[in-house]
């Protein structure tokens, strides 16, 4: 059997890159933002923080907050016809 090539961030050079105007220090408000269950959010990864990041395939998708675990939130999204649940840190979420 051949070994699997590549890791978590493989082929994401342009997808997980900040624009020139967004570079610099990360706001502390983004780290501690709160969401209510049932709130609509957009998945937008913060490339400087790898902890709590979802799989890059779901970048740009929108979903609904369905629960909380520690500091992170469960987000339900539609992937084709399937409904999936992602556990994501709030720094990677934006309100809609």
PDB file of N, CA and C in Angstrom:
ATOM      1  N   UNK A   1       0.842  -1.188   0.000  1.00  0.00           N
ATOM      2  CA  UNK A   1       0.000   0.000   0.000  1.00  0.00           C
ATOM      3  C   UNK A   1       0.888   1.253   0.000  1.00  0.00           C
ATOM      4  N   UNK A   2       0.429   2.222  -0.751  1.00  0.00           N
ATOM      5  CA  UNK A   2       1.149   3.491  -0.805  1.00  0.00           C
ATOM      6  C   UNK A   2       0.736   4.359   0.373  1.00  0.00           C
ATOM      7  N   UNK A   3       1.660   5.205   0.810  1.00  0.00           N
ATOM      8  CA  UNK A   3       1.359   6.120   1.913  1.00  0.00           C
ATOM      9  C   UNK A   3       0.598   7.330   1.391  1.00  0.00           C
ATOM     10  N   UNK A   4      -0.269   7.866   2.251  1.00  0.00           N
ATOM     11  CA  UNK A   4      -1.038   9.034   1.854  1.00  0.00           C
ATOM     12  C   UNK A   4      -0.130  10.248   1.828  1.00  0.00           C
ATOM     13  N   UNK A   5      -0.215  11.003   0.729  1.00  0.00           N
ATOM     14  CA  UNK A   5       0.639  12.169   0.557  1.00  0.00           C
ATOM     15  C   UNK A   5      -0.118  13.415   0.999  1.00  0.00           C
ATOM     16  N   UNK A   6       0.516  14.216   1.820  1.00  0.00           N
ATOM     17  CA  UNK A   6      -0.050  15.504   2.194  1.00  0.00           C
ATOM     18  C   UNK A   6      -0.714  15.490   3.545  1.00  0.00           C
ATOM     19  N   UNK A   7      -0.833  16.669   4.102  1.00  0.00           N
ATOM     20  CA  UNK A   7      -1.417  16.832   5.423  1.00  0.00           C
ATOM     21  C   UNK A   7      -2.685  17.662   5.381  1.00  0.00           C
ATOM     22  N   UNK A   8      -2.989  18.261   6.525  1.00  0.00           N
ATOM     23  CA  UNK A   8      -4.235  18.991   6.721  1.00  0.00           C
ATOM     24  C   UNK A   8      -4.360  20.209   5.806  1.00  0.00           C
ATOM     25  N   UNK A   9      -3.250  20.933   5.592  1.00  0.00           N
ATOM     26  CA  UNK A   9      -3.314  22.180   4.824  1.00  0.00           C
ATOM     27  C   UNK A   9      -2.773  22.033   3.406  1.00  0.00           C
ATOM     28  N   UNK A  10      -2.768  20.821   2.876  1.00  0.00           N
ATOM     29  CA  UNK A  10      -2.261  20.578   1.528  1.00  0.00           C
ATOM     30  C   UNK A  10      -3.146  21.268   0.482  1.00  0.00           C
ATOM     31  N   UNK A  11      -2.527  21.905  -0.502  1.00  0.00           N
ATOM     32  CA  UNK A  11      -3.192  22.595  -1.617  1.00  0.00           C
ATOM     33  C   UNK A  11      -4.092  23.739  -1.153  1.00  0.00           C
ATOM     34  N   UNK A  12      -3.677  24.457  -0.116  1.00  0.00           N
ATOM     35  CA  UNK A  12      -4.483  25.571   0.382  1.00  0.00           C
ATOM     36  C   UNK A  12      -3.700  26.879   0.346  1.00  0.00           C
ATOM     37  N   UNK A  13      -2.715  26.988  -0.530  1.00  0.00           N
ATOM     38  CA  UNK A  13      -1.855  28.171  -0.551  1.00  0.00           C
ATOM     39  C   UNK A  13      -2.645  29.454  -0.767  1.00  0.00           C
ATOM     40  N   UNK A  14      -3.590  29.448  -1.685  1.00  0.00           N
ATOM     41  CA  UNK A  14      -4.352  30.672  -1.936  1.00  0.00           C
ATOM     42  C   UNK A  14      -5.596  30.741  -1.067  1.00  0.00           C
ATOM     43  N   UNK A  15      -6.157  29.593  -0.737  1.00  0.00           N
ATOM     44  CA  UNK A  15      -7.405  29.561   0.037  1.00  0.00           C
ATOM     45  C   UNK A  15      -7.192  30.090   1.450  1.00  0.00           C
ATOM     46  N   UNK A  16      -6.098  29.671   2.098  1.00  0.00           N
ATOM     47  CA  UNK A  16      -5.831  30.083   3.475  1.00  0.00           C
ATOM     48  C   UNK A  16      -4.772  31.180   3.523  1.00  0.00           C
ATOM     49  N   UNK A  17      -4.955  32.203   2.715  1.00  0.00           N
ATOM     50  CA  UNK A  17      -4.022  33.333   2.703  1.00  0.00           C
ATOM     51  C   UNK A  17      -4.794  34.610   2.993  1.00  0.00           C
ATOM     52  N   UNK A  18      -4.237  35.458   3.837  1.00  0.00           N
ATOM     53  CA  UNK A  18      -4.872  36.739   4.138  1.00  0.00           C
ATOM     54  C   UNK A  18      -4.594  37.724   3.015  1.00  0.00           C
ATOM     55  N   UNK A  19      -5.516  38.668   2.823  1.00  0.00           N
ATOM     56  CA  UNK A  19      -5.250  39.737   1.866  1.00  0.00           C
ATOM     57  C   UNK A  19      -4.291  40.731   2.526  1.00  0.00           C
ATOM     58  N   UNK A  20      -3.720  41.596   1.718  1.00  0.00           N
ATOM     59  CA  UNK A  20      -2.706  42.511   2.214  1.00  0.00           C
ATOM     60  C   UNK A  20      -3.254  43.440   3.306  1.00  0.00           C
ATOM     61  N   UNK A  21      -4.521  43.857   3.167  1.00  0.00           N
ATOM     62  CA  UNK A  21      -5.104  44.788   4.148  1.00  0.00           C
ATOM     63  C   UNK A  21      -5.458  44.115   5.468  1.00  0.00           C
ATOM     64  N   UNK A  22      -5.590  42.780   5.475  1.00  0.00           N
ATOM     65  CA  UNK A  22      -5.994  42.057   6.685  1.00  0.00           C
ATOM     66  C   UNK A  22      -4.822  41.552   7.510  1.00  0.00           C
ATOM     67  N   UNK A  23      -3.585  41.737   7.022  1.00  0.00           N
ATOM     68  CA  UNK A  23      -2.427  41.226   7.749  1.00  0.00           C
ATOM     69  C   UNK A  23      -2.159  42.045   9.003  1.00  0.00           C
ATOM     70  N   UNK A  24      -1.462  41.444   9.946  1.00  0.00           N
ATOM     71  CA  UNK A  24      -1.112  42.137  11.182  1.00  0.00           C
ATOM     72  C   UNK A  24      -1.661  41.403  12.382  1.00  0.00           C
ATOM     73  N   UNK A  25      -1.736  42.105  13.491  1.00  0.00           N
ATOM     74  CA  UNK A  25      -2.196  41.491  14.739  1.00  0.00           C
ATOM     75  C   UNK A  25      -3.665  41.123  14.643  1.00  0.00           C
ATOM     76  N   UNK A  26      -4.015  40.037  15.327  1.00  0.00           N
ATOM     77  CA  UNK A  26      -5.403  39.573  15.363  1.00  0.00           C
ATOM     78  C   UNK A  26      -6.092  40.242  16.548  1.00  0.00           C
ATOM     79  N   UNK A  27      -7.289  40.730  16.314  1.00  0.00           N
ATOM     80  CA  UNK A  27      -8.061  41.396  17.360  1.00  0.00           C
ATOM     81  C   UNK A  27      -8.435  40.393  18.458  1.00  0.00           C
ATOM     82  N   UNK A  28      -8.342  40.831  19.705  1.00  0.00           N
ATOM     83  CA  UNK A  28      -8.711  39.960  20.826  1.00  0.00           C
ATOM     84  C   UNK A  28     -10.219  39.734  20.833  1.00  0.00           C
ATOM     85  N   UNK A  29     -10.981  40.667  20.281  1.00  0.00           N
ATOM     86  CA  UNK A  29     -12.444  40.540  20.230  1.00  0.00           C
ATOM     87  C   UNK A  29     -12.861  39.336  19.388  1.00  0.00           C
ATOM     88  N   UNK A  30     -12.084  39.013  18.359  1.00  0.00           N
ATOM     89  CA  UNK A  30     -12.400  37.847  17.522  1.00  0.00           C
ATOM     90  C   UNK A  30     -12.186  36.547  18.283  1.00  0.00           C
ATOM     91  N   UNK A  31     -11.227  36.534  19.209  1.00  0.00           N
ATOM     92  CA  UNK A  31     -10.952  35.339  20.016  1.00  0.00           C
ATOM     93  C   UNK A  31     -12.088  35.037  20.986  1.00  0.00           C
ATOM     94  N   UNK A  32     -12.688  36.084  21.540  1.00  0.00           N
ATOM     95  CA  UNK A  32     -13.654  35.890  22.618  1.00  0.00           C
ATOM     96  C   UNK A  32     -15.094  36.165  22.188  1.00  0.00           C
ATOM     97  N   UNK A  33     -15.368  36.290  20.872  1.00  0.00           N
ATOM     98  CA  UNK A  33     -16.740  36.577  20.451  1.00  0.00           C
ATOM     99  C   UNK A  33     -17.678  35.422  20.810  1.00  0.00           C
ATOM    100  N   UNK A  34     -18.914  35.784  21.144  1.00  0.00           N
ATOM    101  CA  UNK A  34     -19.921  34.825  21.590  1.00  0.00           C
ATOM    102  C   UNK A  34     -20.988  34.666  20.512  1.00  0.00           C
ATOM    103  N   UNK A  35     -21.507  33.451  20.372  1.00  0.00           N
ATOM    104  CA  UNK A  35     -22.598  33.165  19.444  1.00  0.00           C
ATOM    105  C   UNK A  35     -23.713  32.462  20.196  1.00  0.00           C
ATOM    106  N   UNK A  36     -24.950  32.718  19.774  1.00  0.00           N
ATOM    107  CA  UNK A  36     -26.098  32.041  20.363  1.00  0.00           C
ATOM    108  C   UNK A  36     -26.458  30.834  19.506  1.00  0.00           C
ATOM    109  N   UNK A  37     -27.062  29.827  20.115  1.00  0.00           N
ATOM    110  CA  UNK A  37     -27.504  28.651  19.374  1.00  0.00           C
ATOM    111  C   UNK A  37     -28.623  29.077  18.435  1.00  0.00           C
ATOM    112  N   UNK A  38     -28.496  28.660  17.162  1.00  0.00           N
ATOM    113  CA  UNK A  38     -29.467  29.034  16.137  1.00  0.00           C
ATOM    114  C   UNK A  38     -29.021  30.213  15.298  1.00  0.00           C
ATOM    115  N   UNK A  39     -27.897  30.833  15.647  1.00  0.00           N
ATOM    116  CA  UNK A  39     -27.385  31.987  14.905  1.00  0.00           C
ATOM    117  C   UNK A  39     -26.694  31.536  13.626  1.00  0.00           C
ATOM    118  N   UNK A  40     -26.863  32.312  12.532  1.00  0.00           N
ATOM    119  CA  UNK A  40     -26.218  31.975  11.260  1.00  0.00           C
ATOM    120  C   UNK A  40     -24.809  32.540  11.238  1.00  0.00           C
ATOM    121  N   UNK A  41     -23.856  31.706  10.814  1.00  0.00           N
ATOM    122  CA  UNK A  41     -22.454  32.109  10.747  1.00  0.00           C
ATOM    123  C   UNK A  41     -21.848  31.669   9.414  1.00  0.00           C
ATOM    124  N   UNK A  42     -20.740  32.318   9.069  1.00  0.00           N
ATOM    125  CA  UNK A  42     -19.974  31.962   7.872  1.00  0.00           C
ATOM    126  C   UNK A  42     -18.625  31.424   8.327  1.00  0.00           C
ATOM    127  N   UNK A  43     -18.136  30.388   7.669  1.00  0.00           N
ATOM    128  CA  UNK A  43     -16.829  29.809   7.995  1.00  0.00           C
ATOM    129  C   UNK A  43     -15.756  30.550   7.199  1.00  0.00           C
ATOM    130  N   UNK A  44     -14.947  31.315   7.901  1.00  0.00           N
ATOM    131  CA  UNK A  44     -13.854  32.045   7.260  1.00  0.00           C
ATOM    132  C   UNK A  44     -12.624  31.839   8.134  1.00  0.00           C
ATOM    133  N   UNK A  45     -11.695  31.031   7.670  1.00  0.00           N
ATOM    134  CA  UNK A  45     -10.544  30.622   8.487  1.00  0.00           C
ATOM    135  C   UNK A  45      -9.593  31.788   8.741  1.00  0.00           C
ATOM    136  N   UNK A  46      -9.046  31.813   9.937  1.00  0.00           N
ATOM    137  CA  UNK A  46      -7.977  32.734  10.309  1.00  0.00           C
ATOM    138  C   UNK A  46      -6.681  31.957  10.159  1.00  0.00           C
ATOM    139  N   UNK A  47      -5.898  32.205   9.089  1.00  0.00           N
ATOM    140  CA  UNK A  47      -4.731  31.374   8.793  1.00  0.00           C
ATOM    141  C   UNK A  47      -3.644  31.399   9.869  1.00  0.00           C
ATOM    142  N   UNK A  48      -3.570  32.452  10.666  1.00  0.00           N
ATOM    143  CA  UNK A  48      -2.530  32.560  11.680  1.00  0.00           C
ATOM    144  C   UNK A  48      -2.802  31.659  12.877  1.00  0.00           C
ATOM    145  N   UNK A  49      -4.053  31.194  13.031  1.00  0.00           N
ATOM    146  CA  UNK A  49      -4.416  30.341  14.166  1.00  0.00           C
ATOM    147  C   UNK A  49      -4.850  28.992  13.625  1.00  0.00           C
ATOM    148  N   UNK A  50      -4.082  27.929  13.940  1.00  0.00           N
ATOM    149  CA  UNK A  50      -4.418  26.605  13.429  1.00  0.00           C
ATOM    150  C   UNK A  50      -5.339  25.837  14.358  1.00  0.00           C
ATOM    151  N   UNK A  51      -5.338  26.166  15.650  1.00  0.00           N
ATOM    152  CA  UNK A  51      -6.170  25.445  16.609  1.00  0.00           C
ATOM    153  C   UNK A  51      -7.642  25.709  16.337  1.00  0.00           C
ATOM    154  N   UNK A  52      -8.417  24.652  16.356  1.00  0.00           N
ATOM    155  CA  UNK A  52      -9.865  24.799  16.188  1.00  0.00           C
ATOM    156  C   UNK A  52     -10.288  25.105  14.770  1.00  0.00           C
ATOM    157  N   UNK A  53      -9.384  24.889  13.805  1.00  0.00           N
ATOM    158  CA  UNK A  53      -9.727  25.161  12.404  1.00  0.00           C
ATOM    159  C   UNK A  53     -10.435  23.943  11.811  1.00  0.00           C
ATOM    160  N   UNK A  54     -11.446  24.212  11.014  1.00  0.00           N
ATOM    161  CA  UNK A  54     -12.176  23.156  10.317  1.00  0.00           C
ATOM    162  C   UNK A  54     -11.381  22.712   9.094  1.00  0.00           C
ATOM    163  N   UNK A  55     -11.807  21.629   8.432  1.00  0.00           N
ATOM    164  CA  UNK A  55     -11.131  21.160   7.224  1.00  0.00           C
ATOM    165  C   UNK A  55     -11.325  22.190   6.112  1.00  0.00           C
ATOM    166  N   UNK A  56     -10.278  22.538   5.354  1.00  0.00           N
ATOM    167  CA  UNK A  56     -10.355  23.619   4.370  1.00  0.00           C
ATOM    168  C   UNK A  56     -11.404  23.433   3.266  1.00  0.00           C
ATOM    169  N   UNK A  57     -11.918  22.240   3.089  1.00  0.00           N
ATOM    170  CA  UNK A  57     -12.964  22.008   2.088  1.00  0.00           C
ATOM    171  C   UNK A  57     -14.209  22.857   2.372  1.00  0.00           C
ATOM    172  N   UNK A  58     -14.447  23.157   3.651  1.00  0.00           N
ATOM    173  CA  UNK A  58     -15.662  23.865   4.049  1.00  0.00           C
ATOM    174  C   UNK A  58     -15.468  25.377   4.119  1.00  0.00           C
ATOM    175  N   UNK A  59     -14.344  25.894   3.646  1.00  0.00           N
ATOM    176  CA  UNK A  59     -14.031  27.321   3.679  1.00  0.00           C
ATOM    177  C   UNK A  59     -15.044  28.114   2.856  1.00  0.00           C
ATOM    178  N   UNK A  60     -15.642  29.126   3.480  1.00  0.00           N
ATOM    179  CA  UNK A  60     -16.603  29.980   2.784  1.00  0.00           C
ATOM    180  C   UNK A  60     -18.047  29.522   2.918  1.00  0.00           C
ATOM    181  N   UNK A  61     -18.283  28.358   3.495  1.00  0.00           N
ATOM    182  CA  UNK A  61     -19.658  27.859   3.649  1.00  0.00           C
ATOM    183  C   UNK A  61     -20.326  28.566   4.832  1.00  0.00           C
ATOM    184  N   UNK A  62     -21.653  28.586   4.802  1.00  0.00           N
ATOM    185  CA  UNK A  62     -22.388  29.166   5.920  1.00  0.00           C
ATOM    186  C   UNK A  62     -23.188  28.069   6.602  1.00  0.00           C
ATOM    187  N   UNK A  63     -23.464  28.267   7.876  1.00  0.00           N
ATOM    188  CA  UNK A  63     -24.191  27.271   8.646  1.00  0.00           C
ATOM    189  C   UNK A  63     -24.849  27.884   9.863  1.00  0.00           C
ATOM    190  N   UNK A  64     -25.357  27.031  10.722  1.00  0.00           N
ATOM    191  CA  UNK A  64     -26.081  27.451  11.910  1.00  0.00           C
ATOM    192  C   UNK A  64     -25.382  26.878  13.144  1.00  0.00           C
ATOM    193  N   UNK A  65     -25.184  27.713  14.156  1.00  0.00           N
ATOM    194  CA  UNK A  65     -24.573  27.272  15.413  1.00  0.00           C
ATOM    195  C   UNK A  65     -25.564  26.353  16.120  1.00  0.00           C
ATOM    196  N   UNK A  66     -25.114  25.132  16.433  1.00  0.00           N
ATOM    197  CA  UNK A  66     -26.019  24.152  17.037  1.00  0.00           C
ATOM    198  C   UNK A  66     -25.637  23.768  18.460  1.00  0.00           C
ATOM    199  N   UNK A  67     -24.479  24.197  18.929  1.00  0.00           N
ATOM    200  CA  UNK A  67     -24.075  23.852  20.284  1.00  0.00           C
ATOM    201  C   UNK A  67     -22.708  24.416  20.618  1.00  0.00           C
ATOM    202  N   UNK A  68     -22.272  24.156  21.854  1.00  0.00           N
ATOM    203  CA  UNK A  68     -20.976  24.657  22.301  1.00  0.00           C
ATOM    204  C   UNK A  68     -20.248  23.561  23.057  1.00  0.00           C
ATOM    205  N   UNK A  69     -18.913  23.513  22.898  1.00  0.00           N
ATOM    206  CA  UNK A  69     -18.072  22.579  23.641  1.00  0.00           C
ATOM    207  C   UNK A  69     -16.813  23.322  24.036  1.00  0.00           C
ATOM    208  N   UNK A  70     -16.683  23.640  25.305  1.00  0.00           N
ATOM    209  CA  UNK A  70     -15.553  24.443  25.760  1.00  0.00           C
ATOM    210  C   UNK A  70     -15.654  25.835  25.168  1.00  0.00           C
ATOM    211  N   UNK A  71     -14.586  26.275  24.491  1.00  0.00           N
ATOM    212  CA  UNK A  71     -14.600  27.581  23.841  1.00  0.00           C
ATOM    213  C   UNK A  71     -15.154  27.497  22.420  1.00  0.00           C
ATOM    214  N   UNK A  72     -15.216  26.286  21.866  1.00  0.00           N
ATOM    215  CA  UNK A  72     -15.576  26.093  20.463  1.00  0.00           C
ATOM    216  C   UNK A  72     -17.080  25.880  20.278  1.00  0.00           C
ATOM    217  N   UNK A  73     -17.523  26.023  19.025  1.00  0.00           N
ATOM    218  CA  UNK A  73     -18.937  25.908  18.682  1.00  0.00           C
ATOM    219  C   UNK A  73     -19.143  24.801  17.650  1.00  0.00           C
ATOM    220  N   UNK A  74     -20.279  24.118  17.767  1.00  0.00           N
ATOM    221  CA  UNK A  74     -20.705  23.175  16.743  1.00  0.00           C
ATOM    222  C   UNK A  74     -21.481  23.955  15.690  1.00  0.00           C
ATOM    223  N   UNK A  75     -21.106  23.782  14.418  1.00  0.00           N
ATOM    224  CA  UNK A  75     -21.775  24.467  13.316  1.00  0.00           C
ATOM    225  C   UNK A  75     -22.311  23.414  12.360  1.00  0.00           C
ATOM    226  N   UNK A  76     -23.620  23.455  12.075  1.00  0.00           N
ATOM    227  CA  UNK A  76     -24.234  22.524  11.124  1.00  0.00           C
ATOM    228  C   UNK A  76     -24.209  23.168   9.744  1.00  0.00           C
ATOM    229  N   UNK A  77     -23.660  22.416   8.761  1.00  0.00           N
ATOM    230  CA  UNK A  77     -23.607  22.901   7.384  1.00  0.00           C
ATOM    231  C   UNK A  77     -24.176  21.831   6.465  1.00  0.00           C
ATOM    232  N   UNK A  78     -24.520  22.242   5.250  1.00  0.00           N
ATOM    233  CA  UNK A  78     -24.975  21.298   4.229  1.00  0.00           C
ATOM    234  C   UNK A  78     -23.812  21.063   3.273  1.00  0.00           C
ATOM    235  N   UNK A  79     -23.431  19.799   3.108  1.00  0.00           N
ATOM    236  CA  UNK A  79     -22.382  19.414   2.162  1.00  0.00           C
ATOM    237  C   UNK A  79     -23.043  18.502   1.132  1.00  0.00           C
ATOM    238  N   UNK A  80     -23.507  19.108   0.037  1.00  0.00           N
ATOM    239  CA  UNK A  80     -24.305  18.359  -0.928  1.00  0.00           C
ATOM    240  C   UNK A  80     -25.670  18.111  -0.317  1.00  0.00           C
ATOM    241  N   UNK A  81     -26.085  16.840  -0.194  1.00  0.00           N
ATOM    242  CA  UNK A  81     -27.360  16.501   0.438  1.00  0.00           C
ATOM    243  C   UNK A  81     -27.208  16.122   1.906  1.00  0.00           C
ATOM    244  N   UNK A  82     -25.961  15.993   2.364  1.00  0.00           N
ATOM    245  CA  UNK A  82     -25.714  15.593   3.750  1.00  0.00           C
ATOM    246  C   UNK A  82     -25.602  16.804   4.654  1.00  0.00           C
ATOM    247  N   UNK A  83     -26.058  16.648   5.888  1.00  0.00           N
ATOM    248  CA  UNK A  83     -25.852  17.674   6.897  1.00  0.00           C
ATOM    249  C   UNK A  83     -24.694  17.243   7.773  1.00  0.00           C
ATOM    250  N   UNK A  84     -23.699  18.117   7.918  1.00  0.00           N
ATOM    251  CA  UNK A  84     -22.514  17.787   8.704  1.00  0.00           C
ATOM    252  C   UNK A  84     -22.356  18.776   9.844  1.00  0.00           C
ATOM    253  N   UNK A  85     -21.687  18.331  10.904  1.00  0.00           N
ATOM    254  CA  UNK A  85     -21.438  19.161  12.064  1.00  0.00           C
ATOM    255  C   UNK A  85     -19.933  19.339  12.231  1.00  0.00           C
ATOM    256  N   UNK A  86     -19.495  20.594  12.311  1.00  0.00           N
ATOM    257  CA  UNK A  86     -18.085  20.913  12.481  1.00  0.00           C
ATOM    258  C   UNK A  86     -17.879  21.563  13.843  1.00  0.00           C
ATOM    259  N   UNK A  87     -16.794  21.226  14.504  1.00  0.00           N
ATOM    260  CA  UNK A  87     -16.426  21.851  15.769  1.00  0.00           C
ATOM    261  C   UNK A  87     -15.365  22.893  15.452  1.00  0.00           C
ATOM    262  N   UNK A  88     -15.692  24.177  15.693  1.00  0.00           N
ATOM    263  CA  UNK A  88     -14.853  25.271  15.232  1.00  0.00           C
ATOM    264  C   UNK A  88     -14.648  26.318  16.314  1.00  0.00           C
ATOM    265  N   UNK A  89     -13.434  26.829  16.387  1.00  0.00           N
ATOM    266  CA  UNK A  89     -13.115  27.932  17.304  1.00  0.00           C
ATOM    267  C   UNK A  89     -13.764  29.206  16.777  1.00  0.00           C
ATOM    268  N   UNK A  90     -14.233  30.106  17.659  1.00  0.00           N
ATOM    269  CA  UNK A  90     -14.928  31.317  17.197  1.00  0.00           C
ATOM    270  C   UNK A  90     -14.085  32.256  16.358  1.00  0.00           C
ATOM    271  N   UNK A  91     -12.761  32.126  16.390  1.00  0.00           N
ATOM    272  CA  UNK A  91     -11.929  33.017  15.569  1.00  0.00           C
ATOM    273  C   UNK A  91     -12.122  32.721  14.076  1.00  0.00           C
ATOM    274  N   UNK A  92     -12.594  31.506  13.753  1.00  0.00           N
ATOM    275  CA  UNK A  92     -12.810  31.119  12.366  1.00  0.00           C
ATOM    276  C   UNK A  92     -14.250  31.341  11.921  1.00  0.00           C
ATOM    277  N   UNK A  93     -15.068  32.018  12.731  1.00  0.00           N
ATOM    278  CA  UNK A  93     -16.478  32.232  12.411  1.00  0.00           C
ATOM    279  C   UNK A  93     -16.774  33.720  12.252  1.00  0.00           C
ATOM    280  N   UNK A  94     -17.686  34.046  11.332  1.00  0.00           N
ATOM    281  CA  UNK A  94     -18.180  35.412  11.130  1.00  0.00           C
ATOM    282  C   UNK A  94     -19.691  35.392  11.169  1.00  0.00           C
ATOM    283  N   UNK A  95     -20.287  36.410  11.799  1.00  0.00           N
ATOM    284  CA  UNK A  95     -21.756  36.515  11.853  1.00  0.00           C
ATOM    285  C   UNK A  95     -22.297  36.858  10.477  1.00  0.00           C
ATOM    286  N   UNK A  96     -23.484  36.319  10.165  1.00  0.00           N
ATOM    287  CA  UNK A  96     -24.164  36.676   8.908  1.00  0.00           C
ATOM    288  C   UNK A  96     -25.298  37.639   9.189  1.00  0.00           C
TER     289      UNK A  96
END
